[in-house]
Amino acid sequence: MATLEATFARLNQSPFRSRFHLSEKDRQLIAAKGMAVIRAHAIDFVKTRLAPAEPRNDGKQTPLRGHPVFVAQHACACCCRGCLQKWYHVPMGIELSEDQQTRIVKLLMAWIERELSRAR
């Protein structure tokens, strides 16, 4: 992955990716649970839904809404293995390494933090 700023600049060029933003409900969930819990959810979602070599329902495993991490996954093109391959050249059919998972979570959390600091 490139730097976070370069990645965000590239994602902002996509009309599809740039349309995703945290809803008021997402913001309320983050405020209620705290960033540590949201990060734990991100780690779990990436580990269980994205990291396996052949994720269950790949391409459809990440809802478009319902949790701030889901929104971040779509905004950051980390929603399925196909998007990871297209945007970040991560090969399909191979389990994601711990380092790859950590980097994805870092990207998702950075996107969420940017969204929180953005005017509503």
C-alpha atoms as a PDB file:
ATOM      1  CA  MET A   1       0.000   0.000   0.000  1.00  0.00           C
ATOM      2  CA  ALA A   2       1.069   3.553  -0.671  1.00  0.00           C
ATOM      3  CA  THR A   3       1.009   6.213   2.028  1.00  0.00           C
ATOM      4  CA  LEU A   4      -2.369   6.921   3.579  1.00  0.00           C
ATOM      5  CA  GLU A   5      -2.539  10.370   1.956  1.00  0.00           C
ATOM      6  CA  ALA A   6      -1.738   8.957  -1.490  1.00  0.00           C
ATOM      7  CA  THR A   7      -4.291   6.203  -0.999  1.00  0.00           C
ATOM      8  CA  PHE A   8      -6.995   8.663   0.075  1.00  0.00           C
ATOM      9  CA  ALA A   9      -6.192  10.923  -2.887  1.00  0.00           C
ATOM     10  CA  ARG A  10      -6.570   7.965  -5.254  1.00  0.00           C
ATOM     11  CA  LEU A  11      -9.811   6.800  -3.621  1.00  0.00           C
ATOM     12  CA  ASN A  12     -11.221  10.342  -3.857  1.00  0.00           C
ATOM     13  CA  GLN A  13     -10.836  10.139  -7.639  1.00  0.00           C
ATOM     14  CA  SER A  14     -13.403   7.327  -7.732  1.00  0.00           C
ATOM     15  CA  PRO A  15     -17.004   8.565  -7.897  1.00  0.00           C
ATOM     16  CA  PHE A  16     -18.146   5.324  -6.241  1.00  0.00           C
ATOM     17  CA  ARG A  17     -15.611   5.310  -3.373  1.00  0.00           C
ATOM     18  CA  SER A  18     -15.865   9.030  -2.674  1.00  0.00           C
ATOM     19  CA  ARG A  19     -19.617   8.910  -2.103  1.00  0.00           C
ATOM     20  CA  PHE A  20     -19.249   6.987   1.158  1.00  0.00           C
ATOM     21  CA  HIS A  21     -19.430   8.984   4.391  1.00  0.00           C
ATOM     22  CA  LEU A  22     -20.292   8.200   7.984  1.00  0.00           C
ATOM     23  CA  SER A  23     -23.953   8.713   8.802  1.00  0.00           C
ATOM     24  CA  GLU A  24     -25.146  10.363  11.974  1.00  0.00           C
ATOM     25  CA  LYS A  25     -26.036   6.885  13.259  1.00  0.00           C
ATOM     26  CA  ASP A  26     -22.458   5.716  12.561  1.00  0.00           C
ATOM     27  CA  ARG A  27     -21.096   8.734  14.444  1.00  0.00           C
ATOM     28  CA  GLN A  28     -23.385   7.992  17.380  1.00  0.00           C
ATOM     29  CA  LEU A  29     -22.231   4.365  17.470  1.00  0.00           C
ATOM     30  CA  ILE A  30     -18.599   5.474  17.522  1.00  0.00           C
ATOM     31  CA  ALA A  31     -19.322   7.963  20.305  1.00  0.00           C
ATOM     32  CA  ALA A  32     -21.157   5.327  22.334  1.00  0.00           C
ATOM     33  CA  LYS A  33     -18.665   2.482  21.855  1.00  0.00           C
ATOM     34  CA  GLY A  34     -15.390   4.376  21.533  1.00  0.00           C
ATOM     35  CA  MET A  35     -12.629   4.026  18.969  1.00  0.00           C
ATOM     36  CA  ALA A  36     -11.010   1.075  20.750  1.00  0.00           C
ATOM     37  CA  VAL A  37     -14.160  -1.014  20.293  1.00  0.00           C
ATOM     38  CA  ILE A  38     -14.569   0.118  16.687  1.00  0.00           C
ATOM     39  CA  ARG A  39     -10.925  -0.873  16.044  1.00  0.00           C
ATOM     40  CA  ALA A  40     -11.588  -4.289  17.630  1.00  0.00           C
ATOM     41  CA  HIS A  41     -14.578  -4.701  15.306  1.00  0.00           C
ATOM     42  CA  ALA A  42     -12.417  -3.717  12.314  1.00  0.00           C
ATOM     43  CA  ILE A  43      -9.795  -6.295  13.288  1.00  0.00           C
ATOM     44  CA  ASP A  44     -12.471  -8.972  13.614  1.00  0.00           C
ATOM     45  CA  PHE A  45     -14.236  -8.072  10.345  1.00  0.00           C
ATOM     46  CA  VAL A  46     -10.969  -8.091   8.394  1.00  0.00           C
ATOM     47  CA  LYS A  47      -9.831 -11.344   9.994  1.00  0.00           C
ATOM     48  CA  THR A  48     -13.079 -13.243   9.519  1.00  0.00           C
ATOM     49  CA  ARG A  49     -14.589 -11.713   6.366  1.00  0.00           C
ATOM     50  CA  LEU A  50     -11.589 -10.650   4.287  1.00  0.00           C
ATOM     51  CA  ALA A  51      -8.434 -12.511   5.336  1.00  0.00           C
ATOM     52  CA  PRO A  52      -9.341 -16.103   4.373  1.00  0.00           C
ATOM     53  CA  ALA A  53      -7.991 -17.274   1.024  1.00  0.00           C
ATOM     54  CA  GLU A  54     -11.556 -17.862  -0.137  1.00  0.00           C
ATOM     55  CA  PRO A  55     -13.914 -15.782   2.009  1.00  0.00           C
ATOM     56  CA  ARG A  56     -17.510 -16.917   2.309  1.00  0.00           C
ATOM     57  CA  ASN A  57     -19.759 -14.954  -0.069  1.00  0.00           C
ATOM     58  CA  ASP A  58     -16.784 -13.024  -1.435  1.00  0.00           C
ATOM     59  CA  GLY A  59     -17.974  -9.882  -3.132  1.00  0.00           C
ATOM     60  CA  LYS A  60     -21.100  -9.781  -0.988  1.00  0.00           C
ATOM     61  CA  GLN A  61     -19.712 -10.232   2.528  1.00  0.00           C
ATOM     62  CA  THR A  62     -19.628  -6.539   3.458  1.00  0.00           C
ATOM     63  CA  PRO A  63     -22.944  -4.710   3.876  1.00  0.00           C
ATOM     64  CA  LEU A  64     -23.098  -1.156   2.542  1.00  0.00           C
ATOM     65  CA  ARG A  65     -24.216   0.208   5.923  1.00  0.00           C
ATOM     66  CA  GLY A  66     -24.997  -0.812   9.485  1.00  0.00           C
ATOM     67  CA  HIS A  67     -21.546  -0.281  10.996  1.00  0.00           C
ATOM     68  CA  PRO A  68     -18.898   2.426  10.509  1.00  0.00           C
ATOM     69  CA  VAL A  69     -16.305  -0.204   9.561  1.00  0.00           C
ATOM     70  CA  PHE A  70     -18.523  -1.500   6.739  1.00  0.00           C
ATOM     71  CA  VAL A  71     -18.785   2.025   5.329  1.00  0.00           C
ATOM     72  CA  ALA A  72     -15.013   2.465   5.656  1.00  0.00           C
ATOM     73  CA  GLN A  73     -14.398  -0.850   3.897  1.00  0.00           C
ATOM     74  CA  HIS A  74     -16.374   0.315   0.867  1.00  0.00           C
ATOM     75  CA  ALA A  75     -14.854   3.800   0.917  1.00  0.00           C
ATOM     76  CA  CYS A  76     -11.346   2.300   1.058  1.00  0.00           C
ATOM     77  CA  ALA A  77     -11.910  -0.551  -1.425  1.00  0.00           C
ATOM     78  CA  CYS A  78     -11.307  -3.139   1.309  1.00  0.00           C
ATOM     79  CA  CYS A  79     -14.747  -4.707   1.114  1.00  0.00           C
ATOM     80  CA  CYS A  80     -13.880  -7.908  -0.777  1.00  0.00           C
ATOM     81  CA  ARG A  81     -10.929  -9.726  -2.242  1.00  0.00           C
ATOM     82  CA  GLY A  82     -11.787  -8.517  -5.742  1.00  0.00           C
ATOM     83  CA  CYS A  83     -11.503  -4.893  -4.656  1.00  0.00           C
ATOM     84  CA  LEU A  84      -8.270  -5.618  -2.773  1.00  0.00           C
ATOM     85  CA  GLN A  85      -6.846  -7.130  -5.947  1.00  0.00           C
ATOM     86  CA  LYS A  86      -8.048  -4.303  -8.191  1.00  0.00           C
ATOM     87  CA  TRP A  87      -6.989  -1.411  -5.944  1.00  0.00           C
ATOM     88  CA  TYR A  88      -3.987  -2.794  -4.053  1.00  0.00           C
ATOM     89  CA  HIS A  89      -2.802  -5.747  -6.184  1.00  0.00           C
ATOM     90  CA  VAL A  90      -3.377  -8.229  -3.350  1.00  0.00           C
ATOM     91  CA  PRO A  91      -3.645 -11.665  -4.968  1.00  0.00           C
ATOM     92  CA  MET A  92      -6.851 -13.607  -4.546  1.00  0.00           C
ATOM     93  CA  GLY A  93      -6.794 -17.194  -3.288  1.00  0.00           C
ATOM     94  CA  ILE A  94      -4.089 -16.560  -0.677  1.00  0.00           C
ATOM     95  CA  GLU A  95      -4.818 -15.861   2.986  1.00  0.00           C
ATOM     96  CA  LEU A  96      -3.952 -12.321   4.040  1.00  0.00           C
ATOM     97  CA  SER A  97      -0.882 -12.091   6.250  1.00  0.00           C
ATOM     98  CA  GLU A  98      -0.988 -10.493   9.696  1.00  0.00           C
ATOM     99  CA  ASP A  99       0.879  -7.509   8.243  1.00  0.00           C
ATOM    100  CA  GLN A 100      -1.658  -7.089   5.439  1.00  0.00           C
ATOM    101  CA  GLN A 101      -4.527  -7.310   7.915  1.00  0.00           C
ATOM    102  CA  THR A 102      -2.887  -4.731  10.179  1.00  0.00           C
ATOM    103  CA  ARG A 103      -2.342  -2.352   7.271  1.00  0.00           C
ATOM    104  CA  ILE A 104      -5.965  -2.688   6.153  1.00  0.00           C
ATOM    105  CA  VAL A 105      -7.220  -1.976   9.671  1.00  0.00           C
ATOM    106  CA  LYS A 106      -4.890   1.040   9.863  1.00  0.00           C
ATOM    107  CA  LEU A 107      -6.353   2.362   6.600  1.00  0.00           C
ATOM    108  CA  LEU A 108      -9.945   1.797   7.730  1.00  0.00           C
ATOM    109  CA  MET A 109      -9.368   3.494  11.072  1.00  0.00           C
ATOM    110  CA  ALA A 110      -7.590   6.437   9.441  1.00  0.00           C
ATOM    111  CA  TRP A 111     -10.564   6.873   7.107  1.00  0.00           C
ATOM    112  CA  ILE A 112     -12.974   6.787  10.057  1.00  0.00           C
ATOM    113  CA  GLU A 113     -10.883   9.346  11.955  1.00  0.00           C
ATOM    114  CA  ARG A 114     -10.826  11.619   8.891  1.00  0.00           C
ATOM    115  CA  GLU A 115     -14.585  11.320   8.580  1.00  0.00           C
ATOM    116  CA  LEU A 116     -15.079  12.172  12.250  1.00  0.00           C
ATOM    117  CA  SER A 117     -13.031  15.339  11.851  1.00  0.00           C
ATOM    118  CA  ARG A 118     -14.960  16.311   8.705  1.00  0.00           C
ATOM    119  CA  ALA A 119     -17.743  18.846   9.106  1.00  0.00           C
ATOM    120  CA  ARG A 120     -21.170  17.259   8.968  1.00  0.00           C
END
